Amino acid sequence: DDNLQIGRSPPLSSDKSRTHFPILREKTNVEYEHMLFFDDSLWSDHCAIVERNCPGVTTVRTPKGMTVEAWETGLRAYARNAAARAQE
């Protein structure tokens, strides 16, 4: 099935780093350093978990949901991380 529905079909897990991100990488051939993750969770720090287990993913906590400000923060963080990788 070519319809990728991460988070809506098995395997489901609260640990996105063990399910969602490996599936996304496998199905899309997009490496972690090219991914940007926004997390609105108020009960767990999924960003820290993803950063620890999926090195390279840029993460942004959005406890108030997705806003223009959060989107722009994510884009700036992604650009900073990409620039730092280019200097390595």
N, C-alpha and C. Protein backbone atom coordinates (compact mmCIF):
# COMPACT_ATOMS: atom_id res chain seq x y z
N ASP A 1 0.85 -1.19 0.00
CA ASP A 1 0.00 0.00 0.00
C ASP A 1 0.88 1.24 0.00
N ASP A 2 0.65 2.14 -0.93
CA ASP A 2 1.45 3.36 -1.03
C ASP A 2 0.92 4.50 -0.18
N ASN A 3 -0.18 4.28 0.51
CA ASN A 3 -0.76 5.33 1.35
C ASN A 3 -0.13 5.28 2.73
N LEU A 4 0.79 6.18 2.98
CA LEU A 4 1.53 6.23 4.23
C LEU A 4 0.74 7.03 5.26
N GLN A 5 0.24 6.35 6.30
CA GLN A 5 -0.56 7.01 7.33
C GLN A 5 0.10 6.82 8.68
N ILE A 6 1.21 7.49 8.87
CA ILE A 6 1.95 7.40 10.12
C ILE A 6 1.08 7.91 11.26
N GLY A 7 1.01 7.12 12.33
CA GLY A 7 0.23 7.50 13.49
C GLY A 7 -1.22 7.08 13.43
N ARG A 8 -1.65 6.54 12.29
CA ARG A 8 -3.04 6.10 12.14
C ARG A 8 -3.15 4.61 11.87
N SER A 9 -2.03 3.98 11.58
CA SER A 9 -2.05 2.55 11.31
C SER A 9 -0.88 1.89 12.04
N PRO A 10 -0.99 0.60 12.33
CA PRO A 10 0.08 -0.09 13.07
C PRO A 10 1.41 0.01 12.35
N PRO A 11 2.50 -0.01 13.08
CA PRO A 11 2.56 -0.08 14.54
C PRO A 11 2.34 1.29 15.17
N LEU A 12 1.50 1.33 16.17
CA LEU A 12 1.24 2.56 16.91
C LEU A 12 2.04 2.53 18.19
N SER A 13 2.59 3.67 18.55
CA SER A 13 3.41 3.75 19.74
C SER A 13 3.52 5.20 20.18
N SER A 14 3.62 5.42 21.46
CA SER A 14 3.87 6.78 21.93
C SER A 14 5.33 7.17 21.70
N ASP A 15 6.20 6.18 21.46
CA ASP A 15 7.61 6.45 21.19
C ASP A 15 7.80 6.58 19.68
N LYS A 16 7.64 7.82 19.20
CA LYS A 16 7.74 8.09 17.76
C LYS A 16 9.09 7.69 17.19
N SER A 17 10.12 7.70 18.03
CA SER A 17 11.47 7.39 17.55
C SER A 17 11.62 5.92 17.19
N ARG A 18 10.77 5.08 17.73
CA ARG A 18 10.87 3.64 17.46
C ARG A 18 9.92 3.18 16.37
N THR A 19 8.90 3.97 16.08
CA THR A 19 7.93 3.54 15.07
C THR A 19 7.86 4.54 13.92
N HIS A 20 7.36 5.73 14.17
CA HIS A 20 7.09 6.69 13.11
C HIS A 20 8.32 7.04 12.28
N PHE A 21 9.40 7.40 12.93
CA PHE A 21 10.56 7.89 12.19
C PHE A 21 11.26 6.82 11.38
N PRO A 22 11.48 5.62 11.91
CA PRO A 22 12.06 4.59 11.04
C PRO A 22 11.18 4.25 9.84
N ILE A 23 9.85 4.27 10.04
CA ILE A 23 8.94 3.99 8.92
C ILE A 23 9.03 5.11 7.89
N LEU A 24 9.00 6.36 8.36
CA LEU A 24 9.13 7.49 7.42
C LEU A 24 10.42 7.41 6.62
N ARG A 25 11.52 7.11 7.31
CA ARG A 25 12.81 7.04 6.61
C ARG A 25 12.81 5.93 5.58
N GLU A 26 12.26 4.77 5.95
CA GLU A 26 12.23 3.63 5.04
C GLU A 26 11.32 3.87 3.84
N LYS A 27 10.13 4.40 4.09
CA LYS A 27 9.14 4.56 3.02
C LYS A 27 9.45 5.72 2.08
N THR A 28 10.13 6.75 2.59
CA THR A 28 10.37 7.94 1.78
C THR A 28 11.80 8.10 1.30
N ASN A 29 12.72 7.32 1.89
CA ASN A 29 14.15 7.47 1.62
C ASN A 29 14.67 8.85 2.01
N VAL A 30 14.01 9.47 2.98
CA VAL A 30 14.45 10.76 3.52
C VAL A 30 15.21 10.49 4.81
N GLU A 31 16.46 10.90 4.87
CA GLU A 31 17.27 10.66 6.06
C GLU A 31 16.85 11.58 7.19
N TYR A 32 17.18 11.19 8.41
CA TYR A 32 16.77 11.95 9.59
C TYR A 32 17.18 13.41 9.55
N GLU A 33 18.37 13.70 9.03
CA GLU A 33 18.83 15.09 9.04
C GLU A 33 18.02 15.99 8.11
N HIS A 34 17.13 15.40 7.33
CA HIS A 34 16.26 16.17 6.45
C HIS A 34 14.82 16.22 6.97
N MET A 35 14.64 15.82 8.23
CA MET A 35 13.30 15.80 8.83
C MET A 35 13.15 16.89 9.89
N LEU A 36 11.95 17.44 9.96
CA LEU A 36 11.59 18.46 10.94
C LEU A 36 10.34 17.97 11.66
N PHE A 37 10.42 17.84 12.98
CA PHE A 37 9.33 17.27 13.79
C PHE A 37 8.79 18.31 14.76
N PHE A 38 7.50 18.54 14.70
CA PHE A 38 6.81 19.42 15.64
C PHE A 38 6.00 18.56 16.59
N ASP A 39 6.12 18.81 17.89
CA ASP A 39 5.42 17.99 18.88
C ASP A 39 4.60 18.87 19.82
N ASP A 40 3.29 18.62 19.85
CA ASP A 40 2.40 19.38 20.72
C ASP A 40 2.05 18.64 22.01
N SER A 41 2.78 17.59 22.30
CA SER A 41 2.50 16.80 23.50
C SER A 41 2.71 17.62 24.76
N LEU A 42 1.75 17.52 25.66
CA LEU A 42 1.87 18.18 26.96
C LEU A 42 2.24 17.19 28.06
N TRP A 43 2.24 15.91 27.76
CA TRP A 43 2.47 14.89 28.78
C TRP A 43 3.81 14.19 28.66
N SER A 44 4.54 14.42 27.57
CA SER A 44 5.84 13.78 27.41
C SER A 44 6.69 14.63 26.47
N ASP A 45 7.99 14.54 26.62
CA ASP A 45 8.90 15.28 25.75
C ASP A 45 9.33 14.38 24.60
N HIS A 46 8.46 14.26 23.61
CA HIS A 46 8.77 13.42 22.45
C HIS A 46 9.96 13.96 21.68
N CYS A 47 10.17 15.27 21.73
CA CYS A 47 11.31 15.85 21.01
C CYS A 47 12.63 15.28 21.55
N ALA A 48 12.78 15.23 22.86
CA ALA A 48 14.01 14.69 23.45
C ALA A 48 14.20 13.23 23.08
N ILE A 49 13.11 12.48 23.08
CA ILE A 49 13.19 11.05 22.73
C ILE A 49 13.60 10.88 21.28
N VAL A 50 12.99 11.66 20.39
CA VAL A 50 13.32 11.58 18.97
C VAL A 50 14.77 12.01 18.74
N GLU A 51 15.19 13.10 19.37
CA GLU A 51 16.57 13.56 19.21
C GLU A 51 17.57 12.49 19.66
N ARG A 52 17.25 11.81 20.74
CA ARG A 52 18.15 10.78 21.29
C ARG A 52 18.22 9.55 20.38
N ASN A 53 17.08 9.12 19.84
CA ASN A 53 17.04 7.86 19.09
C ASN A 53 17.09 8.01 17.58
N CYS A 54 16.89 9.21 17.09
CA CYS A 54 16.92 9.47 15.64
C CYS A 54 17.83 10.67 15.38
N PRO A 55 19.12 10.50 15.55
CA PRO A 55 20.04 11.63 15.43
C PRO A 55 19.92 12.32 14.07
N GLY A 56 19.81 13.63 14.15
CA GLY A 56 19.72 14.43 12.94
C GLY A 56 18.36 15.09 12.76
N VAL A 57 17.30 14.51 13.34
CA VAL A 57 15.98 15.11 13.21
C VAL A 57 15.96 16.44 13.96
N THR A 58 15.48 17.48 13.32
CA THR A 58 15.28 18.76 13.98
C THR A 58 13.91 18.71 14.64
N THR A 59 13.85 19.06 15.93
CA THR A 59 12.60 18.97 16.66
C THR A 59 12.21 20.32 17.27
N VAL A 60 10.90 20.55 17.36
CA VAL A 60 10.38 21.78 17.95
C VAL A 60 9.16 21.41 18.80
N ARG A 61 9.20 21.80 20.07
CA ARG A 61 8.03 21.61 20.93
C ARG A 61 7.01 22.70 20.64
N THR A 62 5.76 22.30 20.54
CA THR A 62 4.69 23.25 20.24
C THR A 62 3.53 23.03 21.23
N PRO A 63 3.74 23.34 22.51
CA PRO A 63 2.71 23.06 23.51
C PRO A 63 1.40 23.81 23.28
N LYS A 64 1.43 24.87 22.49
CA LYS A 64 0.21 25.61 22.16
C LYS A 64 -0.33 25.21 20.80
N GLY A 65 0.19 24.11 20.24
CA GLY A 65 -0.22 23.69 18.91
C GLY A 65 0.65 24.33 17.85
N MET A 66 0.34 24.02 16.60
CA MET A 66 1.11 24.56 15.49
C MET A 66 0.67 25.99 15.22
N THR A 67 1.63 26.88 15.30
CA THR A 67 1.38 28.29 15.04
C THR A 67 2.37 28.76 13.98
N VAL A 68 2.15 29.92 13.44
CA VAL A 68 3.10 30.50 12.48
C VAL A 68 4.45 30.68 13.17
N GLU A 69 4.42 31.13 14.41
CA GLU A 69 5.66 31.33 15.16
C GLU A 69 6.41 30.01 15.33
N ALA A 70 5.69 28.94 15.67
CA ALA A 70 6.34 27.62 15.82
C ALA A 70 6.91 27.14 14.49
N TRP A 71 6.17 27.34 13.41
CA TRP A 71 6.64 26.96 12.08
C TRP A 71 7.94 27.69 11.74
N GLU A 72 7.94 29.00 11.97
CA GLU A 72 9.13 29.79 11.68
C GLU A 72 10.30 29.40 12.58
N THR A 73 10.02 29.10 13.84
CA THR A 73 11.07 28.62 14.76
C THR A 73 11.66 27.32 14.23
N GLY A 74 10.81 26.43 13.77
CA GLY A 74 11.28 25.16 13.21
C GLY A 74 12.15 25.36 11.98
N LEU A 75 11.72 26.24 11.10
CA LEU A 75 12.50 26.49 9.89
C LEU A 75 13.87 27.08 10.23
N ARG A 76 13.91 27.99 11.21
CA ARG A 76 15.21 28.56 11.62
C ARG A 76 16.10 27.48 12.24
N ALA A 77 15.52 26.64 13.08
CA ALA A 77 16.30 25.56 13.72
C ALA A 77 16.82 24.59 12.66
N TYR A 78 15.98 24.26 11.70
CA TYR A 78 16.39 23.35 10.63
C TYR A 78 17.55 23.97 9.84
N ALA A 79 17.44 25.25 9.51
CA ALA A 79 18.50 25.94 8.76
C ALA A 79 19.80 25.97 9.55
N ARG A 80 19.72 26.25 10.86
CA ARG A 80 20.93 26.24 11.72
C ARG A 80 21.57 24.86 11.73
N ASN A 81 20.75 23.82 11.89
CA ASN A 81 21.29 22.46 11.93
C ASN A 81 21.92 22.07 10.59
N ALA A 82 21.28 22.46 9.51
CA ALA A 82 21.84 22.15 8.18
C ALA A 82 23.16 22.87 7.97
N ALA A 83 23.23 24.12 8.40
CA ALA A 83 24.48 24.89 8.27
C ALA A 83 25.59 24.27 9.12
N ALA A 84 25.25 23.83 10.32
CA ALA A 84 26.25 23.19 11.19
C ALA A 84 26.75 21.89 10.59
N ARG A 85 25.84 21.11 9.99
CA ARG A 85 26.27 19.86 9.34
C ARG A 85 27.17 20.14 8.17
N ALA A 86 26.89 21.21 7.43
CA ALA A 86 27.70 21.56 6.26
C ALA A 86 29.12 21.95 6.66
N GLN A 87 29.28 22.44 7.89
CA GLN A 87 30.60 22.85 8.38
C GLN A 87 31.42 21.66 8.89
N GLU A 88 30.78 20.52 9.07
CA GLU A 88 31.48 19.34 9.61
C GLU A 88 32.40 18.72 8.59
